[in-house]
Amino acid sequence: MNSQDIGGPFVKSSYSGGGSANECVEVARTASGGHAVRDSKNRDGGIQFYRAGEWVAFVAGVKAGEL
């Protein structure tokens, strides 16, 4: 199993604002338990991959206002 194998569909973030919001991300789980993130406006522009522990640290940093 590769940490970059997408294991589910991409879902738009509930914090993207909906409607005509221009800052949207989509998140999908990976087969190894991590997460993949992409820009919903540029789905072919690349994907960032996070292992499970990295995802927890990333979310904690966002919630703490560090990022």
PDB file of N, CA and C in Angstrom:
ATOM      1  N   MET A   1       0.848  -1.180   0.000  1.00  0.00           N
ATOM      2  CA  MET A   1       0.000   0.000   0.000  1.00  0.00           C
ATOM      3  C   MET A   1       0.891   1.239   0.000  1.00  0.00           C
ATOM      4  N   ASN A   2       0.615   2.147  -0.899  1.00  0.00           N
ATOM      5  CA  ASN A   2       1.375   3.380  -1.049  1.00  0.00           C
ATOM      6  C   ASN A   2       0.686   4.496  -0.280  1.00  0.00           C
ATOM      7  N   SER A   3       1.466   5.347   0.387  1.00  0.00           N
ATOM      8  CA  SER A   3       0.878   6.453   1.153  1.00  0.00           C
ATOM      9  C   SER A   3       0.204   7.475   0.247  1.00  0.00           C
ATOM     10  N   GLN A   4       0.421   7.367  -1.070  1.00  0.00           N
ATOM     11  CA  GLN A   4      -0.195   8.299  -2.005  1.00  0.00           C
ATOM     12  C   GLN A   4      -1.329   7.670  -2.812  1.00  0.00           C
ATOM     13  N   ASP A   5      -1.814   6.503  -2.398  1.00  0.00           N
ATOM     14  CA  ASP A   5      -2.979   5.906  -3.035  1.00  0.00           C
ATOM     15  C   ASP A   5      -4.227   6.512  -2.409  1.00  0.00           C
ATOM     16  N   ILE A   6      -5.049   7.185  -3.226  1.00  0.00           N
ATOM     17  CA  ILE A   6      -6.276   7.803  -2.734  1.00  0.00           C
ATOM     18  C   ILE A   6      -7.270   6.694  -2.419  1.00  0.00           C
ATOM     19  N   GLY A   7      -7.797   6.703  -1.187  1.00  0.00           N
ATOM     20  CA  GLY A   7      -8.689   5.639  -0.737  1.00  0.00           C
ATOM     21  C   GLY A   7     -10.153   6.027  -0.687  1.00  0.00           C
ATOM     22  N   GLY A   8     -10.489   7.231  -1.088  1.00  0.00           N
ATOM     23  CA  GLY A   8     -11.874   7.680  -1.059  1.00  0.00           C
ATOM     24  C   GLY A   8     -12.035   8.920  -1.905  1.00  0.00           C
ATOM     25  N   PRO A   9     -13.255   9.398  -2.032  1.00  0.00           N
ATOM     26  CA  PRO A   9     -13.493  10.585  -2.866  1.00  0.00           C
ATOM     27  C   PRO A   9     -12.995  11.865  -2.194  1.00  0.00           C
ATOM     28  N   PHE A  10     -12.661  12.847  -3.005  1.00  0.00           N
ATOM     29  CA  PHE A  10     -12.336  14.163  -2.476  1.00  0.00           C
ATOM     30  C   PHE A  10     -13.629  14.845  -2.038  1.00  0.00           C
ATOM     31  N   VAL A  11     -13.575  15.519  -0.896  1.00  0.00           N
ATOM     32  CA  VAL A  11     -14.724  16.223  -0.335  1.00  0.00           C
ATOM     33  C   VAL A  11     -14.321  17.669  -0.095  1.00  0.00           C
ATOM     34  N   LYS A  12     -15.179  18.595  -0.476  1.00  0.00           N
ATOM     35  CA  LYS A  12     -14.895  20.022  -0.280  1.00  0.00           C
ATOM     36  C   LYS A  12     -14.972  20.369   1.205  1.00  0.00           C
ATOM     37  N   SER A  13     -14.041  21.171   1.659  1.00  0.00           N
ATOM     38  CA  SER A  13     -14.005  21.587   3.057  1.00  0.00           C
ATOM     39  C   SER A  13     -15.270  22.350   3.429  1.00  0.00           C
ATOM     40  N   SER A  14     -15.807  22.062   4.594  1.00  0.00           N
ATOM     41  CA  SER A  14     -16.989  22.784   5.077  1.00  0.00           C
ATOM     42  C   SER A  14     -16.638  24.221   5.449  1.00  0.00           C
ATOM     43  N   TYR A  15     -15.360  24.544   5.561  1.00  0.00           N
ATOM     44  CA  TYR A  15     -14.918  25.898   5.889  1.00  0.00           C
ATOM     45  C   TYR A  15     -14.629  26.730   4.645  1.00  0.00           C
ATOM     46  N   SER A  16     -14.920  26.196   3.477  1.00  0.00           N
ATOM     47  CA  SER A  16     -14.638  26.924   2.239  1.00  0.00           C
ATOM     48  C   SER A  16     -15.633  28.034   1.964  1.00  0.00           C
ATOM     49  N   GLY A  17     -16.686  28.118   2.720  1.00  0.00           N
ATOM     50  CA  GLY A  17     -17.621  29.219   2.581  1.00  0.00           C
ATOM     51  C   GLY A  17     -18.776  28.970   1.648  1.00  0.00           C
ATOM     52  N   GLY A  18     -18.695  27.944   0.804  1.00  0.00           N
ATOM     53  CA  GLY A  18     -19.792  27.646  -0.104  1.00  0.00           C
ATOM     54  C   GLY A  18     -20.044  28.757  -1.099  1.00  0.00           C
ATOM     55  N   GLY A  19     -21.060  28.597  -1.882  1.00  0.00           N
ATOM     56  CA  GLY A  19     -21.438  29.619  -2.852  1.00  0.00           C
ATOM     57  C   GLY A  19     -20.304  29.981  -3.773  1.00  0.00           C
ATOM     58  N   SER A  20     -19.991  31.263  -3.880  1.00  0.00           N
ATOM     59  CA  SER A  20     -18.964  31.729  -4.806  1.00  0.00           C
ATOM     60  C   SER A  20     -17.614  31.943  -4.129  1.00  0.00           C
ATOM     61  N   ALA A  21     -17.401  31.317  -2.975  1.00  0.00           N
ATOM     62  CA  ALA A  21     -16.120  31.468  -2.282  1.00  0.00           C
ATOM     63  C   ALA A  21     -14.978  31.038  -3.197  1.00  0.00           C
ATOM     64  N   ASN A  22     -13.880  31.791  -3.181  1.00  0.00           N
ATOM     65  CA  ASN A  22     -12.768  31.510  -4.082  1.00  0.00           C
ATOM     66  C   ASN A  22     -11.638  30.723  -3.436  1.00  0.00           C
ATOM     67  N   GLU A  23     -11.694  30.491  -2.147  1.00  0.00           N
ATOM     68  CA  GLU A  23     -10.612  29.793  -1.455  1.00  0.00           C
ATOM     69  C   GLU A  23     -11.133  28.450  -0.966  1.00  0.00           C
ATOM     70  N   CYS A  24     -11.061  27.452  -1.823  1.00  0.00           N
ATOM     71  CA  CYS A  24     -11.648  26.150  -1.512  1.00  0.00           C
ATOM     72  C   CYS A  24     -10.599  25.047  -1.607  1.00  0.00           C
ATOM     73  N   VAL A  25     -10.642  24.131  -0.678  1.00  0.00           N
ATOM     74  CA  VAL A  25      -9.804  22.944  -0.740  1.00  0.00           C
ATOM     75  C   VAL A  25     -10.689  21.710  -0.649  1.00  0.00           C
ATOM     76  N   GLU A  26     -10.173  20.621  -1.180  1.00  0.00           N
ATOM     77  CA  GLU A  26     -10.844  19.329  -1.091  1.00  0.00           C
ATOM     78  C   GLU A  26      -9.891  18.360  -0.415  1.00  0.00           C
ATOM     79  N   VAL A  27     -10.441  17.483   0.391  1.00  0.00           N
ATOM     80  CA  VAL A  27      -9.641  16.526   1.156  1.00  0.00           C
ATOM     81  C   VAL A  27     -10.158  15.120   0.884  1.00  0.00           C
ATOM     82  N   ALA A  28      -9.240  14.170   0.749  1.00  0.00           N
ATOM     83  CA  ALA A  28      -9.593  12.755   0.596  1.00  0.00           C
ATOM     84  C   ALA A  28      -8.699  11.927   1.506  1.00  0.00           C
ATOM     85  N   ARG A  29      -9.203  10.819   1.958  1.00  0.00           N
ATOM     86  CA  ARG A  29      -8.379   9.890   2.742  1.00  0.00           C
ATOM     87  C   ARG A  29      -7.498   9.090   1.794  1.00  0.00           C
ATOM     88  N   THR A  30      -6.321   8.732   2.286  1.00  0.00           N
ATOM     89  CA  THR A  30      -5.451   7.857   1.509  1.00  0.00           C
ATOM     90  C   THR A  30      -5.595   6.435   2.028  1.00  0.00           C
ATOM     91  N   ALA A  31      -5.170   5.492   1.213  1.00  0.00           N
ATOM     92  CA  ALA A  31      -5.294   4.079   1.563  1.00  0.00           C
ATOM     93  C   ALA A  31      -4.511   3.732   2.828  1.00  0.00           C
ATOM     94  N   SER A  32      -3.470   4.525   3.146  1.00  0.00           N
ATOM     95  CA  SER A  32      -2.636   4.237   4.315  1.00  0.00           C
ATOM     96  C   SER A  32      -3.107   4.956   5.580  1.00  0.00           C
ATOM     97  N   GLY A  33      -4.268   5.652   5.525  1.00  0.00           N
ATOM     98  CA  GLY A  33      -4.796   6.328   6.704  1.00  0.00           C
ATOM     99  C   GLY A  33      -4.455   7.796   6.807  1.00  0.00           C
ATOM    100  N   GLY A  34      -3.762   8.321   5.813  1.00  0.00           N
ATOM    101  CA  GLY A  34      -3.440   9.742   5.791  1.00  0.00           C
ATOM    102  C   GLY A  34      -4.492  10.525   5.035  1.00  0.00           C
ATOM    103  N   HIS A  35      -4.111  11.693   4.537  1.00  0.00           N
ATOM    104  CA  HIS A  35      -5.031  12.548   3.794  1.00  0.00           C
ATOM    105  C   HIS A  35      -4.320  13.172   2.598  1.00  0.00           C
ATOM    106  N   ALA A  36      -5.105  13.455   1.557  1.00  0.00           N
ATOM    107  CA  ALA A  36      -4.632  14.156   0.377  1.00  0.00           C
ATOM    108  C   ALA A  36      -5.447  15.442   0.260  1.00  0.00           C
ATOM    109  N   VAL A  37      -4.788  16.538  -0.121  1.00  0.00           N
ATOM    110  CA  VAL A  37      -5.442  17.844  -0.219  1.00  0.00           C
ATOM    111  C   VAL A  37      -5.155  18.435  -1.596  1.00  0.00           C
ATOM    112  N   ARG A  38      -6.200  19.011  -2.205  1.00  0.00           N
ATOM    113  CA  ARG A  38      -6.019  19.681  -3.495  1.00  0.00           C
ATOM    114  C   ARG A  38      -6.892  20.936  -3.549  1.00  0.00           C
ATOM    115  N   ASP A  39      -6.569  21.814  -4.474  1.00  0.00           N
ATOM    116  CA  ASP A  39      -7.326  23.041  -4.713  1.00  0.00           C
ATOM    117  C   ASP A  39      -8.543  22.682  -5.558  1.00  0.00           C
ATOM    118  N   SER A  40      -9.742  23.006  -5.086  1.00  0.00           N
ATOM    119  CA  SER A  40     -10.950  22.626  -5.814  1.00  0.00           C
ATOM    120  C   SER A  40     -11.102  23.387  -7.133  1.00  0.00           C
ATOM    121  N   LYS A  41     -10.424  24.522  -7.278  1.00  0.00           N
ATOM    122  CA  LYS A  41     -10.508  25.292  -8.512  1.00  0.00           C
ATOM    123  C   LYS A  41      -9.494  24.816  -9.550  1.00  0.00           C
ATOM    124  N   ASN A  42      -8.482  24.072  -9.105  1.00  0.00           N
ATOM    125  CA  ASN A  42      -7.418  23.606  -9.992  1.00  0.00           C
ATOM    126  C   ASN A  42      -7.089  22.159  -9.634  1.00  0.00           C
ATOM    127  N   ARG A  43      -8.019  21.279  -9.903  1.00  0.00           N
ATOM    128  CA  ARG A  43      -7.889  19.881  -9.484  1.00  0.00           C
ATOM    129  C   ARG A  43      -6.695  19.169 -10.123  1.00  0.00           C
ATOM    130  N   ASP A  44      -6.225  19.649 -11.250  1.00  0.00           N
ATOM    131  CA  ASP A  44      -5.069  19.044 -11.912  1.00  0.00           C
ATOM    132  C   ASP A  44      -3.759  19.720 -11.518  1.00  0.00           C
ATOM    133  N   GLY A  45      -3.818  20.681 -10.605  1.00  0.00           N
ATOM    134  CA  GLY A  45      -2.648  21.464 -10.237  1.00  0.00           C
ATOM    135  C   GLY A  45      -1.725  20.803  -9.235  1.00  0.00           C
ATOM    136  N   GLY A  46      -2.082  19.656  -8.741  1.00  0.00           N
ATOM    137  CA  GLY A  46      -1.227  18.962  -7.787  1.00  0.00           C
ATOM    138  C   GLY A  46      -1.973  18.619  -6.507  1.00  0.00           C
ATOM    139  N   ILE A  47      -1.424  17.665  -5.798  1.00  0.00           N
ATOM    140  CA  ILE A  47      -2.023  17.176  -4.554  1.00  0.00           C
ATOM    141  C   ILE A  47      -0.939  17.132  -3.487  1.00  0.00           C
ATOM    142  N   GLN A  48      -1.276  17.594  -2.294  1.00  0.00           N
ATOM    143  CA  GLN A  48      -0.371  17.457  -1.149  1.00  0.00           C
ATOM    144  C   GLN A  48      -0.813  16.227  -0.357  1.00  0.00           C
ATOM    145  N   PHE A  49       0.151  15.407   0.051  1.00  0.00           N
ATOM    146  CA  PHE A  49      -0.145  14.200   0.813  1.00  0.00           C
ATOM    147  C   PHE A  49       0.394  14.326   2.231  1.00  0.00           C
ATOM    148  N   TYR A  50      -0.394  13.884   3.187  1.00  0.00           N
ATOM    149  CA  TYR A  50      -0.018  13.897   4.600  1.00  0.00           C
ATOM    150  C   TYR A  50      -0.228  12.511   5.186  1.00  0.00           C
ATOM    151  N   ARG A  51       0.791  11.979   5.855  1.00  0.00           N
ATOM    152  CA  ARG A  51       0.606  10.735   6.613  1.00  0.00           C
ATOM    153  C   ARG A  51      -0.275  11.052   7.810  1.00  0.00           C
ATOM    154  N   ALA A  52      -0.815  10.021   8.444  1.00  0.00           N
ATOM    155  CA  ALA A  52      -1.780  10.217   9.536  1.00  0.00           C
ATOM    156  C   ALA A  52      -1.250  11.174  10.612  1.00  0.00           C
ATOM    157  N   GLY A  53      -0.043  10.958  11.092  1.00  0.00           N
ATOM    158  CA  GLY A  53       0.533  11.820  12.131  1.00  0.00           C
ATOM    159  C   GLY A  53       0.775  13.239  11.644  1.00  0.00           C
ATOM    160  N   GLU A  54       1.176  13.369  10.386  1.00  0.00           N
ATOM    161  CA  GLU A  54       1.393  14.694   9.808  1.00  0.00           C
ATOM    162  C   GLU A  54       0.070  15.449   9.698  1.00  0.00           C
ATOM    163  N   TRP A  55      -0.995  14.740   9.341  1.00  0.00           N
ATOM    164  CA  TRP A  55      -2.311  15.375   9.220  1.00  0.00           C
ATOM    165  C   TRP A  55      -2.778  15.913  10.571  1.00  0.00           C
ATOM    166  N   VAL A  56      -2.594  15.132  11.627  1.00  0.00           N
ATOM    167  CA  VAL A  56      -2.982  15.568  12.969  1.00  0.00           C
ATOM    168  C   VAL A  56      -2.222  16.843  13.338  1.00  0.00           C
ATOM    169  N   ALA A  57      -0.923  16.882  13.057  1.00  0.00           N
ATOM    170  CA  ALA A  57      -0.111  18.060  13.361  1.00  0.00           C
ATOM    171  C   ALA A  57      -0.528  19.250  12.507  1.00  0.00           C
ATOM    172  N   PHE A  58      -0.843  19.023  11.231  1.00  0.00           N
ATOM    173  CA  PHE A  58      -1.277  20.082  10.337  1.00  0.00           C
ATOM    174  C   PHE A  58      -2.582  20.716  10.840  1.00  0.00           C
ATOM    175  N   VAL A  59      -3.565  19.879  11.150  1.00  0.00           N
ATOM    176  CA  VAL A  59      -4.864  20.376  11.629  1.00  0.00           C
ATOM    177  C   VAL A  59      -4.687  21.133  12.956  1.00  0.00           C
ATOM    178  N   ALA A  60      -3.852  20.603  13.837  1.00  0.00           N
ATOM    179  CA  ALA A  60      -3.609  21.283  15.122  1.00  0.00           C
ATOM    180  C   ALA A  60      -2.979  22.654  14.886  1.00  0.00           C
ATOM    181  N   GLY A  61      -2.035  22.743  13.947  1.00  0.00           N
ATOM    182  CA  GLY A  61      -1.393  24.015  13.631  1.00  0.00           C
ATOM    183  C   GLY A  61      -2.375  25.022  13.053  1.00  0.00           C
ATOM    184  N   VAL A  62      -3.270  24.560  12.194  1.00  0.00           N
ATOM    185  CA  VAL A  62      -4.281  25.454  11.620  1.00  0.00           C
ATOM    186  C   VAL A  62      -5.207  25.960  12.716  1.00  0.00           C
ATOM    187  N   LYS A  63      -5.665  25.067  13.571  1.00  0.00           N
ATOM    188  CA  LYS A  63      -6.577  25.460  14.661  1.00  0.00           C
ATOM    189  C   LYS A  63      -5.919  26.431  15.637  1.00  0.00           C
ATOM    190  N   ALA A  64      -4.611  26.287  15.814  1.00  0.00           N
ATOM    191  CA  ALA A  64      -3.882  27.161  16.729  1.00  0.00           C
ATOM    192  C   ALA A  64      -3.477  28.482  16.091  1.00  0.00           C
ATOM    193  N   GLY A  65      -3.765  28.647  14.806  1.00  0.00           N
ATOM    194  CA  GLY A  65      -3.412  29.870  14.102  1.00  0.00           C
ATOM    195  C   GLY A  65      -1.948  29.969  13.724  1.00  0.00           C
ATOM    196  N   GLU A  66      -1.256  28.843  13.729  1.00  0.00           N
ATOM    197  CA  GLU A  66       0.178  28.829  13.407  1.00  0.00           C
ATOM    198  C   GLU A  66       0.438  28.848  11.911  1.00  0.00           C
ATOM    199  N   LEU A  67      -0.548  28.510  11.112  1.00  0.00           N
ATOM    200  CA  LEU A  67      -0.346  28.429   9.660  1.00  0.00           C
ATOM    201  C   LEU A  67      -1.198  29.446   8.943  1.00  0.00           C
TER     202      LEU A  67
END
